Amino acid sequence: MCYIYKYVLKEKASHMERKNCWEMKECGRQPGGANIEMMGTCPAALPNEYDHTNRGKYAGRFCWAVTGTLCGGQIQGTFARKMKDCLHCEFLKRVHEEEGRFFILTPNMIKDE
């Protein structure tokens, strides 16, 4: 019983700590962010078809699949071109750990409901 209680508390705490990429990376490209004028709004931070993927807001926890996101101070290209680099990203690794067996890595893993 005690183990189950601890597990539930851990799950609630980990859910509360889930962040979108712009919160974790502090890029300032989310709506109202500090870098909007200079770099534009990040497409992962706008309404899109990936809303709620990996339990994120818009594509905030699926940014590696979105063209035009920021990494290393540079706006990145298409999913196919940037995926190799994204696989080494600490944010992607964190989302994978938090989502566990429900983690979605690629758009083709999304099932229509």
Protein backbone atom coordinates (compact mmCIF):
# COMPACT_ATOMS: atom_id res chain seq x y z
CA MET A 1 0.00 0.00 0.00
CA CYS A 2 2.77 2.41 0.89
CA TYR A 3 4.55 1.68 -2.42
CA ILE A 4 1.41 2.47 -4.42
CA TYR A 5 0.91 5.72 -2.53
CA LYS A 6 4.51 6.77 -3.22
CA TYR A 7 4.09 5.85 -6.90
CA VAL A 8 0.94 7.99 -7.21
CA LEU A 9 2.67 10.94 -5.54
CA LYS A 10 5.68 10.54 -7.82
CA GLU A 11 3.43 10.45 -10.91
CA LYS A 12 1.58 13.59 -9.79
CA ALA A 13 4.85 15.40 -9.11
CA SER A 14 6.38 14.38 -12.44
CA HIS A 15 3.23 15.49 -14.28
CA MET A 16 3.43 18.90 -12.62
CA GLU A 17 7.06 19.25 -13.70
CA ARG A 18 6.40 18.58 -17.39
CA LYS A 19 7.46 21.58 -19.42
CA ASN A 20 7.22 22.64 -23.02
CA CYS A 21 10.44 23.24 -24.93
CA TRP A 22 10.25 27.05 -24.69
CA GLU A 23 9.93 26.79 -20.90
CA MET A 24 12.88 24.44 -20.61
CA LYS A 25 15.14 25.98 -23.26
CA GLU A 26 14.12 29.59 -22.51
CA CYS A 27 14.42 30.54 -26.19
CA GLY A 28 11.99 33.45 -25.88
CA ARG A 29 10.21 32.53 -29.12
CA GLN A 30 6.85 31.65 -27.52
CA PRO A 31 3.99 34.18 -27.92
CA GLY A 32 4.96 37.20 -25.83
CA GLY A 33 8.57 35.99 -25.57
CA ALA A 34 11.64 38.24 -25.52
CA ASN A 35 13.00 37.10 -28.90
CA ILE A 36 9.84 37.34 -31.01
CA GLU A 37 10.84 40.54 -32.84
CA MET A 38 14.32 39.31 -33.68
CA MET A 39 13.63 35.63 -34.47
CA GLY A 40 9.87 35.32 -34.91
CA THR A 41 7.41 33.10 -33.09
CA CYS A 42 8.42 29.46 -32.91
CA PRO A 43 6.09 27.20 -34.89
CA ALA A 44 6.12 24.69 -32.01
CA ALA A 45 4.58 27.37 -29.76
CA LEU A 46 1.63 28.05 -32.08
CA PRO A 47 -1.58 26.05 -32.59
CA ASN A 48 -0.81 23.11 -34.88
CA GLU A 49 -1.72 19.51 -35.63
CA TYR A 50 0.58 18.24 -32.86
CA ASP A 51 -1.30 19.88 -29.99
CA HIS A 52 -1.11 17.71 -26.85
CA THR A 53 1.45 15.30 -28.36
CA ASN A 54 3.52 13.96 -25.44
CA ARG A 55 1.15 15.99 -23.26
CA GLY A 56 2.49 19.33 -24.47
CA LYS A 57 0.89 22.60 -25.43
CA TYR A 58 0.82 22.76 -29.24
CA ALA A 59 4.10 21.03 -30.23
CA GLY A 60 5.92 22.12 -27.10
CA ARG A 61 6.86 18.52 -26.26
CA PHE A 62 7.26 17.45 -29.89
CA CYS A 63 9.43 20.32 -31.18
CA TRP A 64 11.91 17.99 -32.90
CA ALA A 65 9.20 17.12 -35.46
CA VAL A 66 8.49 20.76 -36.35
CA THR A 67 10.35 22.73 -39.04
CA GLY A 68 11.74 26.09 -37.91
CA THR A 69 12.39 25.45 -34.22
CA LEU A 70 15.51 26.80 -32.51
CA CYS A 71 18.53 24.78 -31.44
CA GLY A 72 21.98 26.03 -30.53
CA GLY A 73 20.95 29.59 -31.31
CA GLN A 74 20.04 28.66 -34.90
CA ILE A 75 16.65 28.19 -36.50
CA GLN A 76 16.56 24.60 -37.70
CA GLY A 77 15.30 23.03 -40.92
CA THR A 78 12.97 20.17 -41.64
CA PHE A 79 12.33 17.17 -39.43
CA ALA A 80 14.39 14.91 -41.69
CA ARG A 81 17.40 17.26 -41.66
CA LYS A 82 17.46 18.00 -37.94
CA MET A 83 16.39 14.67 -36.43
CA LYS A 84 19.94 13.32 -36.10
CA ASP A 85 20.87 16.31 -33.92
CA CYS A 86 17.60 16.23 -31.99
CA LEU A 87 18.25 12.66 -30.86
CA HIS A 88 21.09 14.05 -28.72
CA CYS A 89 18.95 16.85 -27.23
CA GLU A 90 18.52 16.79 -23.45
CA PHE A 91 14.96 18.08 -23.80
CA LEU A 92 13.95 15.21 -26.11
CA LYS A 93 15.57 12.75 -23.70
CA ARG A 94 13.66 14.28 -20.79
CA VAL A 95 10.33 14.07 -22.62
CA HIS A 96 11.11 10.44 -23.50
CA GLU A 97 11.82 9.65 -19.85
CA GLU A 98 8.69 11.45 -18.61
CA GLU A 99 6.35 9.88 -21.16
CA GLY A 100 7.78 6.37 -20.91
CA ARG A 101 6.02 3.84 -23.11
CA PHE A 102 3.60 6.53 -24.35
CA PHE A 103 6.44 8.64 -25.83
CA ILE A 104 5.89 9.72 -29.44
CA LEU A 105 9.11 10.28 -31.40
CA THR A 106 7.86 10.69 -34.95
CA PRO A 107 4.67 11.99 -36.57
CA ASN A 108 3.85 8.55 -38.00
CA MET A 109 3.50 7.26 -34.41
CA ILE A 110 0.45 9.47 -33.83
CA LYS A 111 -2.75 7.49 -34.04
CA ASP A 112 -5.99 9.05 -35.20
CA GLU A 113 -8.62 8.89 -32.48
